[in-house]
């Protein structure tokens, strides 16, 4: 009984520390991302300045497709590489499933991909999109997802448009 109480106290302390972090607060504005996912992503990323583009963050999580090409021939894009932080990738996929169930632009994206490629591929594609959104939120310091084409800043004015 004492162990359960100790674990509950530690969980409360971790949650309080995570909520005080501005990066975690920004990630919590994304549909489907809860406190555990936001804290896990921030812990996995570390300093966001290491990633000069969203594609590098996507690659770090292993959510980018493998590319096979020989010489000047056309490139063949395959399945995701799975090279990278598997725990963070799994959290992003779980957040993608949650975002797919909520109404909004992320749900519409999920439905569009699901119709063409199936629900598993759609969930991973949405996880990739969430990783791109995380990069934009953490590097540009914006709050609040308006749509897939833009964010609102702290003053309520639309900030720079995003291409995801």
C-alpha atoms as a PDB file:
ATOM      1  CA  UNK A   1       0.000   0.000   0.000  1.00  0.00           C
ATOM      2  CA  UNK A   2       2.836   2.396   0.817  1.00  0.00           C
ATOM      3  CA  UNK A   3       4.483   1.751  -2.548  1.00  0.00           C
ATOM      4  CA  UNK A   4       1.314   2.720  -4.429  1.00  0.00           C
ATOM      5  CA  UNK A   5       1.069   5.943  -2.415  1.00  0.00           C
ATOM      6  CA  UNK A   6       4.738   6.731  -3.091  1.00  0.00           C
ATOM      7  CA  UNK A   7       4.273   6.141  -6.819  1.00  0.00           C
ATOM      8  CA  UNK A   8       1.175   8.361  -6.855  1.00  0.00           C
ATOM      9  CA  UNK A   9       3.123  11.149  -5.123  1.00  0.00           C
ATOM     10  CA  UNK A  10       5.991  10.824  -7.608  1.00  0.00           C
ATOM     11  CA  UNK A  11       3.520  10.890 -10.531  1.00  0.00           C
ATOM     12  CA  UNK A  12       1.969  14.102  -9.175  1.00  0.00           C
ATOM     13  CA  UNK A  13       5.397  15.708  -8.805  1.00  0.00           C
ATOM     14  CA  UNK A  14       6.413  14.736 -12.351  1.00  0.00           C
ATOM     15  CA  UNK A  15       3.105  16.058 -13.734  1.00  0.00           C
ATOM     16  CA  UNK A  16       3.529  19.370 -11.882  1.00  0.00           C
ATOM     17  CA  UNK A  17       7.077  19.776 -13.215  1.00  0.00           C
ATOM     18  CA  UNK A  18       5.968  18.892 -16.741  1.00  0.00           C
ATOM     19  CA  UNK A  19       3.116  21.403 -16.681  1.00  0.00           C
ATOM     20  CA  UNK A  20       5.560  24.157 -15.698  1.00  0.00           C
ATOM     21  CA  UNK A  21       7.607  23.514 -18.854  1.00  0.00           C
ATOM     22  CA  UNK A  22       6.682  25.863 -21.732  1.00  0.00           C
ATOM     23  CA  UNK A  23       7.544  23.230 -24.354  1.00  0.00           C
ATOM     24  CA  UNK A  24       5.160  20.718 -22.824  1.00  0.00           C
ATOM     25  CA  UNK A  25       2.441  23.390 -22.626  1.00  0.00           C
ATOM     26  CA  UNK A  26       2.867  24.117 -26.337  1.00  0.00           C
ATOM     27  CA  UNK A  27       2.624  20.452 -27.296  1.00  0.00           C
ATOM     28  CA  UNK A  28      -0.521  20.027 -25.200  1.00  0.00           C
ATOM     29  CA  UNK A  29      -2.335  22.340 -27.634  1.00  0.00           C
ATOM     30  CA  UNK A  30      -2.145  19.659 -30.350  1.00  0.00           C
ATOM     31  CA  UNK A  31      -5.221  17.451 -30.622  1.00  0.00           C
ATOM     32  CA  UNK A  32      -4.478  13.946 -29.353  1.00  0.00           C
ATOM     33  CA  UNK A  33      -1.376  14.868 -27.342  1.00  0.00           C
ATOM     34  CA  UNK A  34      -1.768  14.382 -23.588  1.00  0.00           C
ATOM     35  CA  UNK A  35       0.635  15.177 -20.745  1.00  0.00           C
ATOM     36  CA  UNK A  36       2.454  11.842 -20.936  1.00  0.00           C
ATOM     37  CA  UNK A  37       3.013  12.106 -24.686  1.00  0.00           C
ATOM     38  CA  UNK A  38       4.076  15.763 -24.506  1.00  0.00           C
ATOM     39  CA  UNK A  39       6.569  15.138 -21.694  1.00  0.00           C
ATOM     40  CA  UNK A  40       7.910  12.030 -23.455  1.00  0.00           C
ATOM     41  CA  UNK A  41       8.405  13.869 -26.747  1.00  0.00           C
ATOM     42  CA  UNK A  42      10.156  16.792 -25.049  1.00  0.00           C
ATOM     43  CA  UNK A  43      12.404  14.345 -23.186  1.00  0.00           C
ATOM     44  CA  UNK A  44      13.190  12.420 -26.385  1.00  0.00           C
ATOM     45  CA  UNK A  45      13.941  15.560 -28.394  1.00  0.00           C
ATOM     46  CA  UNK A  46      16.034  17.374 -25.815  1.00  0.00           C
ATOM     47  CA  UNK A  47      17.194  20.614 -27.430  1.00  0.00           C
ATOM     48  CA  UNK A  48      15.004  21.302 -30.473  1.00  0.00           C
ATOM     49  CA  UNK A  49      17.816  23.436 -31.897  1.00  0.00           C
ATOM     50  CA  UNK A  50      19.559  20.203 -32.919  1.00  0.00           C
ATOM     51  CA  UNK A  51      17.022  19.809 -35.714  1.00  0.00           C
ATOM     52  CA  UNK A  52      17.305  22.409 -38.465  1.00  0.00           C
ATOM     53  CA  UNK A  53      14.145  21.248 -40.242  1.00  0.00           C
ATOM     54  CA  UNK A  54      11.020  19.220 -39.470  1.00  0.00           C
ATOM     55  CA  UNK A  55      12.280  16.480 -41.799  1.00  0.00           C
ATOM     56  CA  UNK A  56      15.282  15.930 -39.519  1.00  0.00           C
ATOM     57  CA  UNK A  57      12.999  15.500 -36.509  1.00  0.00           C
ATOM     58  CA  UNK A  58      10.800  13.081 -38.468  1.00  0.00           C
ATOM     59  CA  UNK A  59      13.921  11.126 -39.396  1.00  0.00           C
ATOM     60  CA  UNK A  60      15.073  11.124 -35.742  1.00  0.00           C
ATOM     61  CA  UNK A  61      11.797   9.433 -34.806  1.00  0.00           C
ATOM     62  CA  UNK A  62      12.123   6.939 -37.690  1.00  0.00           C
ATOM     63  CA  UNK A  63       8.866   8.058 -39.315  1.00  0.00           C
ATOM     64  CA  UNK A  64      10.398   8.808 -42.720  1.00  0.00           C
ATOM     65  CA  UNK A  65      10.044   6.302 -45.586  1.00  0.00           C
ATOM     66  CA  UNK A  66      12.978   4.238 -46.751  1.00  0.00           C
ATOM     67  CA  UNK A  67      14.250   5.259 -50.178  1.00  0.00           C
ATOM     68  CA  UNK A  68      15.845   2.731 -52.519  1.00  0.00           C
ATOM     69  CA  UNK A  69      17.513   4.128 -55.605  1.00  0.00           C
ATOM     70  CA  UNK A  70      20.379   3.062 -57.784  1.00  0.00           C
ATOM     71  CA  UNK A  71      21.955   5.525 -60.157  1.00  0.00           C
ATOM     72  CA  UNK A  72      19.788   7.953 -62.073  1.00  0.00           C
ATOM     73  CA  UNK A  73      16.733   5.677 -61.968  1.00  0.00           C
ATOM     74  CA  UNK A  74      13.552   6.575 -60.132  1.00  0.00           C
ATOM     75  CA  UNK A  75      13.492   6.346 -56.338  1.00  0.00           C
ATOM     76  CA  UNK A  76      11.306   3.734 -54.682  1.00  0.00           C
ATOM     77  CA  UNK A  77       9.806   4.836 -51.372  1.00  0.00           C
ATOM     78  CA  UNK A  78       9.086   1.988 -48.995  1.00  0.00           C
ATOM     79  CA  UNK A  79       7.932   1.559 -45.421  1.00  0.00           C
ATOM     80  CA  UNK A  80       9.045   3.783 -42.552  1.00  0.00           C
ATOM     81  CA  UNK A  81      12.674   3.365 -41.569  1.00  0.00           C
ATOM     82  CA  UNK A  82      12.022   2.656 -37.853  1.00  0.00           C
ATOM     83  CA  UNK A  83      15.562   3.887 -37.210  1.00  0.00           C
ATOM     84  CA  UNK A  84      15.426   6.182 -34.234  1.00  0.00           C
ATOM     85  CA  UNK A  85      13.617   6.641 -30.954  1.00  0.00           C
ATOM     86  CA  UNK A  86      11.104   3.799 -30.893  1.00  0.00           C
ATOM     87  CA  UNK A  87       9.476   4.882 -27.626  1.00  0.00           C
ATOM     88  CA  UNK A  88       8.806   8.406 -28.909  1.00  0.00           C
ATOM     89  CA  UNK A  89       7.596   6.992 -32.241  1.00  0.00           C
ATOM     90  CA  UNK A  90       5.137   4.750 -30.395  1.00  0.00           C
ATOM     91  CA  UNK A  91       3.872   7.709 -28.353  1.00  0.00           C
ATOM     92  CA  UNK A  92       3.335   9.748 -31.531  1.00  0.00           C
ATOM     93  CA  UNK A  93       1.386   6.885 -33.112  1.00  0.00           C
ATOM     94  CA  UNK A  94      -0.806   6.626 -29.989  1.00  0.00           C
ATOM     95  CA  UNK A  95      -1.387  10.387 -30.127  1.00  0.00           C
ATOM     96  CA  UNK A  96      -2.255  10.000 -33.809  1.00  0.00           C
ATOM     97  CA  UNK A  97      -4.940   7.433 -32.963  1.00  0.00           C
ATOM     98  CA  UNK A  98      -6.400   9.834 -30.408  1.00  0.00           C
ATOM     99  CA  UNK A  99      -6.265  12.755 -32.872  1.00  0.00           C
ATOM    100  CA  UNK A 100      -7.951  10.624 -35.531  1.00  0.00           C
ATOM    101  CA  UNK A 101     -10.986  10.164 -33.287  1.00  0.00           C
ATOM    102  CA  UNK A 102     -11.428  13.883 -32.558  1.00  0.00           C
ATOM    103  CA  UNK A 103     -13.112  16.153 -35.106  1.00  0.00           C
ATOM    104  CA  UNK A 104     -10.878  18.598 -36.919  1.00  0.00           C
ATOM    105  CA  UNK A 105      -8.286  18.855 -39.674  1.00  0.00           C
ATOM    106  CA  UNK A 106      -6.187  15.978 -38.323  1.00  0.00           C
ATOM    107  CA  UNK A 107      -9.243  13.699 -38.421  1.00  0.00           C
ATOM    108  CA  UNK A 108      -9.939  14.769 -42.013  1.00  0.00           C
ATOM    109  CA  UNK A 109      -6.319  13.985 -42.964  1.00  0.00           C
ATOM    110  CA  UNK A 110      -6.610  10.548 -41.303  1.00  0.00           C
ATOM    111  CA  UNK A 111      -9.867   9.747 -43.131  1.00  0.00           C
ATOM    112  CA  UNK A 112      -8.409  10.822 -46.492  1.00  0.00           C
ATOM    113  CA  UNK A 113      -5.310   8.606 -46.107  1.00  0.00           C
ATOM    114  CA  UNK A 114      -7.324   5.716 -44.636  1.00  0.00           C
ATOM    115  CA  UNK A 115      -9.524   5.616 -47.742  1.00  0.00           C
ATOM    116  CA  UNK A 116      -6.470   5.193 -49.967  1.00  0.00           C
ATOM    117  CA  UNK A 117      -3.981   3.174 -47.921  1.00  0.00           C
ATOM    118  CA  UNK A 118      -5.698   1.671 -44.851  1.00  0.00           C
ATOM    119  CA  UNK A 119      -5.983   2.636 -41.210  1.00  0.00           C
ATOM    120  CA  UNK A 120      -2.505   1.550 -40.033  1.00  0.00           C
ATOM    121  CA  UNK A 121      -0.728   3.550 -42.745  1.00  0.00           C
ATOM    122  CA  UNK A 122      -3.007   6.510 -42.019  1.00  0.00           C
ATOM    123  CA  UNK A 123      -2.122   6.415 -38.314  1.00  0.00           C
ATOM    124  CA  UNK A 124       1.614   6.437 -39.065  1.00  0.00           C
ATOM    125  CA  UNK A 125       1.162   9.233 -41.610  1.00  0.00           C
ATOM    126  CA  UNK A 126      -0.694  11.249 -38.988  1.00  0.00           C
ATOM    127  CA  UNK A 127       2.086  10.526 -36.470  1.00  0.00           C
ATOM    128  CA  UNK A 128       4.566  11.973 -38.970  1.00  0.00           C
ATOM    129  CA  UNK A 129       2.379  15.055 -39.340  1.00  0.00           C
ATOM    130  CA  UNK A 130       2.240  15.390 -35.537  1.00  0.00           C
ATOM    131  CA  UNK A 131       6.057  15.280 -35.413  1.00  0.00           C
ATOM    132  CA  UNK A 132       6.181  18.126 -37.952  1.00  0.00           C
ATOM    133  CA  UNK A 133       3.657  20.102 -35.895  1.00  0.00           C
ATOM    134  CA  UNK A 134       5.759  19.510 -32.769  1.00  0.00           C
ATOM    135  CA  UNK A 135       8.834  20.899 -34.532  1.00  0.00           C
ATOM    136  CA  UNK A 136       6.954  24.023 -35.601  1.00  0.00           C
ATOM    137  CA  UNK A 137       5.473  24.593 -32.156  1.00  0.00           C
ATOM    138  CA  UNK A 138       8.802  24.142 -30.392  1.00  0.00           C
ATOM    139  CA  UNK A 139      10.920  26.200 -32.792  1.00  0.00           C
ATOM    140  CA  UNK A 140       8.525  29.053 -33.517  1.00  0.00           C
ATOM    141  CA  UNK A 141       7.021  29.324 -30.041  1.00  0.00           C
ATOM    142  CA  UNK A 142       3.414  29.363 -31.251  1.00  0.00           C
ATOM    143  CA  UNK A 143       0.406  28.199 -29.256  1.00  0.00           C
ATOM    144  CA  UNK A 144      -2.803  26.697 -30.511  1.00  0.00           C
ATOM    145  CA  UNK A 145      -3.451  24.755 -33.684  1.00  0.00           C
ATOM    146  CA  UNK A 146      -5.807  26.685 -35.944  1.00  0.00           C
ATOM    147  CA  UNK A 147      -5.529  24.490 -39.020  1.00  0.00           C
ATOM    148  CA  UNK A 148      -2.896  22.593 -40.923  1.00  0.00           C
ATOM    149  CA  UNK A 149      -2.054  25.843 -42.719  1.00  0.00           C
ATOM    150  CA  UNK A 150      -1.385  28.194 -39.818  1.00  0.00           C
ATOM    151  CA  UNK A 151      -1.112  28.903 -36.112  1.00  0.00           C
ATOM    152  CA  UNK A 152      -2.306  31.678 -33.871  1.00  0.00           C
ATOM    153  CA  UNK A 153       0.319  33.363 -31.755  1.00  0.00           C
ATOM    154  CA  UNK A 154      -0.062  34.445 -28.138  1.00  0.00           C
ATOM    155  CA  UNK A 155      -1.630  37.733 -29.261  1.00  0.00           C
ATOM    156  CA  UNK A 156      -4.347  35.886 -31.205  1.00  0.00           C
ATOM    157  CA  UNK A 157      -3.010  37.022 -34.563  1.00  0.00           C
ATOM    158  CA  UNK A 158      -2.155  34.372 -37.181  1.00  0.00           C
ATOM    159  CA  UNK A 159       1.553  33.673 -37.339  1.00  0.00           C
ATOM    160  CA  UNK A 160       3.615  32.484 -40.271  1.00  0.00           C
ATOM    161  CA  UNK A 161       1.854  29.867 -42.402  1.00  0.00           C
ATOM    162  CA  UNK A 162       3.116  26.305 -42.186  1.00  0.00           C
ATOM    163  CA  UNK A 163       3.434  23.664 -44.829  1.00  0.00           C
ATOM    164  CA  UNK A 164       2.921  20.241 -43.334  1.00  0.00           C
END
